[in-house]
Amino acid sequence: KQRPDAVVLVDFPGFNWWIAKAAKREGIPVFYYAPPQVWAWAQWRVKKMRRFVDHVLCSLPFEQRWYAERGCNATYVGHPFFEEVRRHEMDEAFIDQQGHKPGRVLLLLPGSRTQEVEHNLRRLYEAAQLVRAAVRDVRVAVAAFKPAHAETAQQLAEQFDLDVEVHTGRTPELIYLSHCCLAVSGSVSLELLYHGKPTVINYQISRLAFAVQKRFRKVKYITLVNLLACDRLPTRDLRPYQPGDPADADVLFPEYLTYEDRSREIAAHAIRWLTDRDEYDRTVGRMSQLCARYGKGGATGRAAAYIAGRLDGDGAPIPRPHIPLGQQVADKVRAA
């Protein structure tokens, strides 16, 4: 058997912890690229990261400081999703065909999971109806992840008597064609940022789930774009986003994690982008600035270069940063 020079873990934490533990037992350096978002829900897992991982290669800028403050070596390399976005090959014929149709496109992105679609699409349709009533030259389009979702979208549109265009497997093209979007939270927000499309995020959950997430959620925002816009992880004020709240002045994508009907608020944002050109341009400008800072791609190359640099060194163990006394005490209290 050939002994590996290093172990590189990616994303999903489940089985990766077992691999990391085995590698550390054999004295093999462990790197974690695009780590799980333990800072959002399961902060206790940082103890595993500290024990089993030599260096965390972070996807989000605030993660480097967050991990370092908890005793982990960490380096920000960027988010790999921006590389995927750059590799998307669009169907130019489809874009040309759709681009010649009259009206601006309000794009609905109801998610890639069936449960997400079922929970969120009805609310997105309610908001779209309000937008259509206020702005007549709007085409409503739905980006379906798979045919079953497209069928659900078409059937629900008939119930709403809403004229929509449903397309499967055309998400990149539809984002490119859109004026603004209503979307479910997820990595698609980074694609929307990359293309400069003002977006409202909605994530519909049950009243029980809302109560549970309030207990376990450790950050203010659920949208990656809004977290990118923060210099530090927003962990103190966990009140949900509210339009006009000074605490939410830096929010780029208005977001609603809710069990309530927020369709009027969702629609109001889209209507403003469709009717107020200055506001639309300001939003796009802010998105462009944020994307210029964090959306350049190259994260995998930077991660590979860092790992190669460590392995080409003198073989000395990777030093651990000092663990703040307060963190040491907190860990001991949790372990007791």
Protein backbone atom coordinates (compact mmCIF):
# COMPACT_ATOMS: atom_id res chain seq x y z
CA LYS A 1 0.00 0.00 0.00
CA GLN A 2 1.20 3.51 -0.81
CA ARG A 3 1.10 6.02 2.01
CA PRO A 4 -0.54 9.30 0.91
CA ASP A 5 1.36 12.55 1.39
CA ALA A 6 -1.82 14.28 2.54
CA VAL A 7 -5.56 13.85 2.86
CA VAL A 8 -7.82 16.53 1.38
CA LEU A 9 -11.40 16.53 2.62
CA VAL A 10 -14.13 18.36 0.70
CA ASP A 11 -17.48 19.64 1.95
CA PHE A 12 -19.71 16.89 3.46
CA PRO A 13 -18.65 16.26 7.08
CA GLY A 14 -20.22 12.83 7.81
CA PHE A 15 -17.74 10.24 6.54
CA ASN A 16 -14.97 12.82 6.29
CA TRP A 17 -14.53 12.89 10.07
CA TRP A 18 -13.71 9.16 10.04
CA ILE A 19 -11.16 9.68 7.27
CA ALA A 20 -9.60 12.62 9.12
CA LYS A 21 -9.38 10.67 12.36
CA ALA A 22 -7.69 7.71 10.64
CA ALA A 23 -5.25 9.98 8.80
CA LYS A 24 -4.25 11.80 11.97
CA ARG A 25 -3.68 8.48 13.69
CA GLU A 26 -1.15 7.67 10.95
CA GLY A 27 0.46 11.10 11.10
CA ILE A 28 -0.78 12.13 7.65
CA PRO A 29 -1.50 15.88 7.19
CA VAL A 30 -5.21 16.65 6.78
CA PHE A 31 -6.57 19.63 4.85
CA TYR A 32 -10.26 20.55 4.67
CA TYR A 33 -11.27 22.39 1.49
CA ALA A 34 -14.71 24.06 1.31
CA PRO A 35 -15.53 23.05 4.89
CA PRO A 36 -19.08 22.53 6.17
CA GLN A 37 -20.76 25.61 7.59
CA VAL A 38 -20.34 24.60 11.22
CA TRP A 39 -20.47 28.27 12.25
CA ALA A 40 -24.14 28.44 11.22
CA TRP A 41 -25.75 25.51 13.06
CA ALA A 42 -23.29 23.14 14.73
CA GLN A 43 -20.50 25.21 16.22
CA TRP A 44 -19.54 22.39 18.58
CA ARG A 45 -18.07 20.57 15.55
CA VAL A 46 -15.18 23.02 15.51
CA LYS A 47 -13.61 20.82 18.21
CA LYS A 48 -13.40 17.98 15.68
CA MET A 49 -11.92 20.37 13.14
CA ARG A 50 -9.28 21.41 15.67
CA ARG A 51 -8.43 17.81 16.61
CA PHE A 52 -8.37 16.12 13.22
CA VAL A 53 -7.61 18.82 10.63
CA ASP A 54 -4.25 20.52 10.16
CA HIS A 55 -5.49 23.36 7.98
CA VAL A 56 -8.90 24.63 6.89
CA LEU A 57 -9.08 26.14 3.39
CA CYS A 58 -12.05 28.45 3.74
CA SER A 59 -14.71 29.31 1.16
CA LEU A 60 -15.99 32.49 2.81
CA PRO A 61 -13.83 35.43 3.94
CA PHE A 62 -15.06 35.60 7.54
CA GLU A 63 -14.39 31.88 8.09
CA GLN A 64 -10.63 32.40 8.34
CA ARG A 65 -10.97 34.64 11.39
CA TRP A 66 -13.76 32.53 12.90
CA TYR A 67 -11.70 29.33 12.75
CA ALA A 68 -8.50 31.03 13.91
CA GLU A 69 -10.26 32.45 16.97
CA ARG A 70 -11.20 28.86 17.85
CA GLY A 71 -7.74 27.41 17.54
CA CYS A 72 -7.71 26.19 13.92
CA ASN A 73 -5.23 27.00 11.19
CA ALA A 74 -7.27 28.58 8.41
CA THR A 75 -6.73 30.34 5.09
CA TYR A 76 -9.34 31.97 2.88
CA VAL A 77 -9.02 30.69 -0.71
CA GLY A 78 -12.45 31.54 -2.16
CA HIS A 79 -15.67 29.74 -3.02
CA PRO A 80 -15.44 26.92 -5.61
CA PHE A 81 -18.97 27.64 -6.83
CA PHE A 82 -17.69 30.68 -8.73
CA GLU A 83 -15.50 28.34 -10.78
CA GLU A 84 -18.55 26.24 -11.66
CA VAL A 85 -20.47 29.35 -12.72
CA ARG A 86 -17.64 30.39 -15.04
CA ARG A 87 -17.69 26.94 -16.68
CA HIS A 88 -21.40 27.07 -17.54
CA GLU A 89 -21.93 26.79 -21.28
CA MET A 90 -25.13 28.53 -22.30
CA ASP A 91 -27.38 27.70 -25.21
CA GLU A 92 -27.01 30.79 -27.37
CA ALA A 93 -29.93 29.78 -29.60
CA PHE A 94 -32.25 29.58 -26.58
CA ILE A 95 -31.04 32.96 -25.31
CA ASP A 96 -31.54 34.55 -28.72
CA GLN A 97 -35.04 33.08 -29.06
CA GLN A 98 -36.16 34.13 -25.58
CA GLY A 99 -34.40 37.48 -25.73
CA HIS A 100 -36.53 38.63 -28.65
CA LYS A 101 -39.78 38.16 -26.74
CA PRO A 102 -41.35 41.37 -25.38
CA GLY A 103 -41.28 42.14 -21.66
CA ARG A 104 -38.76 41.91 -18.85
CA VAL A 105 -38.28 38.54 -17.16
CA LEU A 106 -39.15 38.02 -13.50
CA LEU A 107 -37.48 34.69 -12.80
CA LEU A 108 -38.68 32.31 -10.08
CA LEU A 109 -36.12 29.84 -8.71
CA PRO A 110 -38.04 27.48 -6.38
CA GLY A 111 -35.10 25.24 -5.46
CA SER A 112 -33.66 21.90 -6.50
CA ARG A 113 -35.24 19.69 -3.84
CA THR A 114 -38.83 18.52 -4.23
CA GLN A 115 -39.72 19.54 -0.68
CA GLU A 116 -38.34 23.04 -1.28
CA VAL A 117 -40.42 23.40 -4.43
CA GLU A 118 -43.59 22.24 -2.69
CA HIS A 119 -43.08 24.60 0.26
CA ASN A 120 -41.99 27.71 -1.63
CA LEU A 121 -43.50 27.84 -5.10
CA ARG A 122 -46.98 28.81 -3.97
CA ARG A 123 -45.62 31.84 -2.10
CA LEU A 124 -43.47 32.83 -5.07
CA TYR A 125 -46.53 32.66 -7.33
CA GLU A 126 -48.50 34.86 -4.95
CA ALA A 127 -45.71 37.44 -5.08
CA ALA A 128 -45.49 37.13 -8.87
CA GLN A 129 -49.21 37.82 -9.19
CA LEU A 130 -48.77 41.06 -7.25
CA VAL A 131 -45.85 42.06 -9.44
CA ARG A 132 -47.81 41.38 -12.63
CA ALA A 133 -50.71 43.46 -11.32
CA ALA A 134 -48.37 46.42 -10.72
CA VAL A 135 -46.05 46.10 -13.73
CA ARG A 136 -47.72 44.97 -16.93
CA ASP A 137 -44.66 44.38 -19.14
CA VAL A 138 -43.37 41.48 -17.04
CA ARG A 139 -42.89 37.89 -18.16
CA VAL A 140 -42.88 35.37 -15.32
CA ALA A 141 -40.54 32.42 -15.87
CA VAL A 142 -39.80 29.40 -13.69
CA ALA A 143 -36.46 27.58 -13.69
CA ALA A 144 -37.29 23.95 -12.89
CA PHE A 145 -34.52 21.61 -11.79
CA LYS A 146 -36.14 18.47 -13.23
CA PRO A 147 -39.27 17.52 -15.21
CA ALA A 148 -41.28 16.58 -12.12
CA HIS A 149 -40.74 20.09 -10.74
CA ALA A 150 -41.77 21.61 -14.07
CA GLU A 151 -45.00 19.62 -13.98
CA THR A 152 -45.70 20.83 -10.44
CA ALA A 153 -45.00 24.42 -11.49
CA GLN A 154 -47.32 24.19 -14.49
CA GLN A 155 -50.17 22.63 -12.51
CA LEU A 156 -49.89 25.22 -9.74
CA ALA A 157 -49.80 28.05 -12.28
CA GLU A 158 -53.12 26.83 -13.67
CA GLN A 159 -54.61 26.96 -10.17
CA PHE A 160 -53.40 30.56 -9.85
CA ASP A 161 -54.50 31.41 -13.40
CA LEU A 162 -50.99 32.82 -13.80
CA ASP A 163 -49.32 32.97 -17.19
CA VAL A 164 -45.84 31.53 -16.64
CA GLU A 165 -43.12 30.07 -18.82
CA VAL A 166 -41.67 26.92 -17.25
CA HIS A 167 -38.29 25.62 -18.44
CA THR A 168 -36.29 22.61 -17.24
CA GLY A 169 -32.50 22.59 -17.18
CA ARG A 170 -32.21 26.20 -18.34
CA THR A 171 -31.25 27.90 -15.10
CA PRO A 172 -28.04 29.63 -16.34
CA GLU A 173 -29.76 30.93 -19.48
CA LEU A 174 -32.83 32.15 -17.58
CA ILE A 175 -30.69 33.92 -14.99
CA TYR A 176 -28.81 35.64 -17.82
CA LEU A 177 -32.11 36.75 -19.41
CA SER A 178 -33.80 37.90 -16.20
CA HIS A 179 -34.26 41.44 -14.93
CA CYS A 180 -34.69 40.37 -11.30
CA CYS A 181 -35.48 37.17 -9.43
CA LEU A 182 -37.41 35.56 -6.59
CA ALA A 183 -35.46 32.60 -5.26
CA VAL A 184 -35.16 30.00 -2.54
CA SER A 185 -32.01 30.26 -0.42
CA GLY A 186 -29.03 28.21 -1.57
CA SER A 187 -25.83 28.34 -3.59
CA VAL A 188 -27.81 29.72 -6.54
CA SER A 189 -27.53 33.09 -4.78
CA LEU A 190 -23.83 33.13 -5.74
CA GLU A 191 -24.74 32.58 -9.39
CA LEU A 192 -27.23 35.45 -9.16
CA LEU A 193 -24.52 37.65 -7.64
CA TYR A 194 -22.09 36.70 -10.41
CA HIS A 195 -24.59 37.75 -13.09
CA GLY A 196 -25.69 40.89 -11.21
CA LYS A 197 -29.38 39.99 -10.82
CA PRO A 198 -31.22 41.71 -7.94
CA THR A 199 -33.00 38.98 -5.99
CA VAL A 200 -35.41 38.44 -3.12
CA ILE A 201 -34.84 35.26 -1.11
CA ASN A 202 -37.75 33.36 0.43
CA TYR A 203 -37.54 30.18 2.46
CA GLN A 204 -40.89 28.93 3.67
CA ILE A 205 -40.89 26.60 6.68
CA SER A 206 -43.42 25.39 9.24
CA ARG A 207 -44.10 27.23 12.47
CA LEU A 208 -42.43 24.38 14.40
CA ALA A 209 -39.35 24.45 12.18
CA PHE A 210 -39.15 28.22 12.62
CA ALA A 211 -39.14 27.82 16.41
CA VAL A 212 -36.47 25.12 16.23
CA GLN A 213 -34.16 27.10 13.91
CA LYS A 214 -34.38 30.12 16.22
CA ARG A 215 -32.87 27.97 18.94
CA PHE A 216 -30.03 26.54 16.86
CA ARG A 217 -29.22 29.17 14.22
CA LYS A 218 -26.06 31.08 15.15
CA VAL A 219 -25.91 33.70 12.37
CA LYS A 220 -28.24 36.49 11.33
CA TYR A 221 -28.57 35.75 7.61
CA ILE A 222 -29.29 32.57 5.67
CA THR A 223 -28.17 33.84 2.26
CA LEU A 224 -24.53 33.39 1.22
CA VAL A 225 -24.50 36.70 -0.64
CA ASN A 226 -25.58 38.59 2.48
CA LEU A 227 -22.93 36.81 4.53
CA LEU A 228 -20.28 37.70 1.92
CA ALA A 229 -21.24 41.34 2.34
CA CYS A 230 -20.38 41.17 6.07
CA ASP A 231 -16.81 41.86 7.17
CA ARG A 232 -17.40 39.69 10.22
CA LEU A 233 -19.81 36.86 10.85
CA PRO A 234 -23.04 38.47 12.16
CA THR A 235 -23.66 36.46 15.35
CA ARG A 236 -24.88 39.01 17.90
CA ASP A 237 -28.10 40.44 16.51
CA LEU A 238 -30.01 37.43 15.17
CA ARG A 239 -33.27 39.21 14.41
CA PRO A 240 -34.53 38.27 10.92
CA TYR A 241 -34.18 40.76 8.10
CA GLN A 242 -36.72 43.58 8.13
CA PRO A 243 -37.06 46.16 5.33
CA GLY A 244 -35.89 49.58 6.52
CA ASP A 245 -34.11 48.30 9.64
CA PRO A 246 -30.76 50.17 9.94
CA ALA A 247 -29.18 46.92 11.14
CA ASP A 248 -29.91 45.43 7.71
CA ALA A 249 -28.59 48.34 5.64
CA ASP A 250 -25.84 46.21 4.08
CA VAL A 251 -28.19 43.44 2.95
CA LEU A 252 -28.01 42.91 -0.82
CA PHE A 253 -30.67 40.21 -1.18
CA PRO A 254 -33.75 40.86 0.99
CA GLU A 255 -34.41 37.52 2.68
CA TYR A 256 -37.43 36.00 4.40
CA LEU A 257 -37.01 32.82 6.45
CA THR A 258 -40.58 32.51 7.61
CA TYR A 259 -43.73 30.50 8.21
CA GLU A 260 -45.86 33.57 7.44
CA ASP A 261 -47.15 34.99 4.17
CA ARG A 262 -44.56 37.61 3.15
CA SER A 263 -45.61 37.72 -0.51
CA ARG A 264 -46.44 41.45 -0.34
CA GLU A 265 -42.99 42.33 0.97
CA ILE A 266 -41.36 40.02 -1.58
CA ALA A 267 -43.33 41.60 -4.42
CA ALA A 268 -42.57 45.13 -3.21
CA HIS A 269 -38.82 44.63 -3.71
CA ALA A 270 -39.28 43.29 -7.24
CA ILE A 271 -41.73 46.06 -8.15
CA ARG A 272 -39.22 48.67 -7.02
CA TRP A 273 -36.45 47.14 -9.15
CA LEU A 274 -38.82 47.06 -12.13
CA THR A 275 -40.07 50.64 -11.76
CA ASP A 276 -37.16 52.57 -10.20
CA ARG A 277 -34.17 52.51 -12.52
CA ASP A 278 -31.90 54.35 -10.08
CA GLU A 279 -32.62 51.82 -7.32
CA TYR A 280 -32.05 48.96 -9.73
CA ASP A 281 -28.72 50.41 -10.88
CA ARG A 282 -27.61 51.02 -7.28
CA THR A 283 -28.34 47.40 -6.38
CA VAL A 284 -26.53 46.06 -9.44
CA GLY A 285 -23.58 48.34 -8.70
CA ARG A 286 -23.25 47.03 -5.15
CA MET A 287 -23.45 43.46 -6.43
CA SER A 288 -20.74 44.19 -8.98
CA GLN A 289 -18.42 45.53 -6.27
CA LEU A 290 -18.98 42.47 -4.08
CA CYS A 291 -18.47 40.09 -6.99
CA ALA A 292 -15.24 41.87 -7.95
CA ARG A 293 -13.91 41.15 -4.45
CA TYR A 294 -15.00 37.54 -4.03
CA GLY A 295 -16.27 36.13 -7.34
CA LYS A 296 -13.10 35.87 -9.40
CA GLY A 297 -12.80 32.10 -9.21
CA GLY A 298 -9.54 30.21 -8.82
CA ALA A 299 -10.32 28.84 -5.35
CA THR A 300 -9.30 25.28 -6.22
CA GLY A 301 -6.01 26.45 -7.71
CA ARG A 302 -5.21 28.51 -4.63
CA ALA A 303 -6.08 25.58 -2.37
CA ALA A 304 -3.90 23.21 -4.41
CA ALA A 305 -1.01 25.69 -4.40
CA TYR A 306 -1.24 26.06 -0.62
CA ILE A 307 -1.26 22.29 -0.05
CA ALA A 308 1.63 21.76 -2.47
CA GLY A 309 3.59 24.49 -0.73
CA ARG A 310 3.12 22.83 2.64
CA LEU A 311 4.12 19.43 1.31
CA ASP A 312 7.18 20.82 -0.48
CA GLY A 313 8.42 22.38 2.76
CA ASP A 314 10.73 20.90 5.36
CA GLY A 315 8.14 18.43 6.60
CA ALA A 316 7.79 20.18 9.95
CA PRO A 317 4.38 19.84 11.58
CA ILE A 318 1.93 22.61 10.75
CA PRO A 319 1.85 24.88 13.81
CA ARG A 320 -1.44 25.48 15.54
CA PRO A 321 -2.49 29.04 16.41
CA HIS A 322 -2.89 29.97 20.03
CA ILE A 323 -6.31 28.98 21.36
CA PRO A 324 -7.79 31.96 23.26
CA LEU A 325 -8.17 31.31 26.98
CA GLY A 326 -11.91 31.96 26.79
CA GLN A 327 -12.27 29.28 24.14
CA GLN A 328 -10.27 26.79 26.21
CA VAL A 329 -12.55 27.40 29.19
CA ALA A 330 -15.67 27.12 27.03
CA ASP A 331 -14.49 23.79 25.61
CA LYS A 332 -13.81 22.43 29.09
CA VAL A 333 -17.25 23.52 30.29
CA ARG A 334 -18.93 21.77 27.32
CA ALA A 335 -16.88 18.63 27.91
CA ALA A 336 -17.74 18.50 31.62
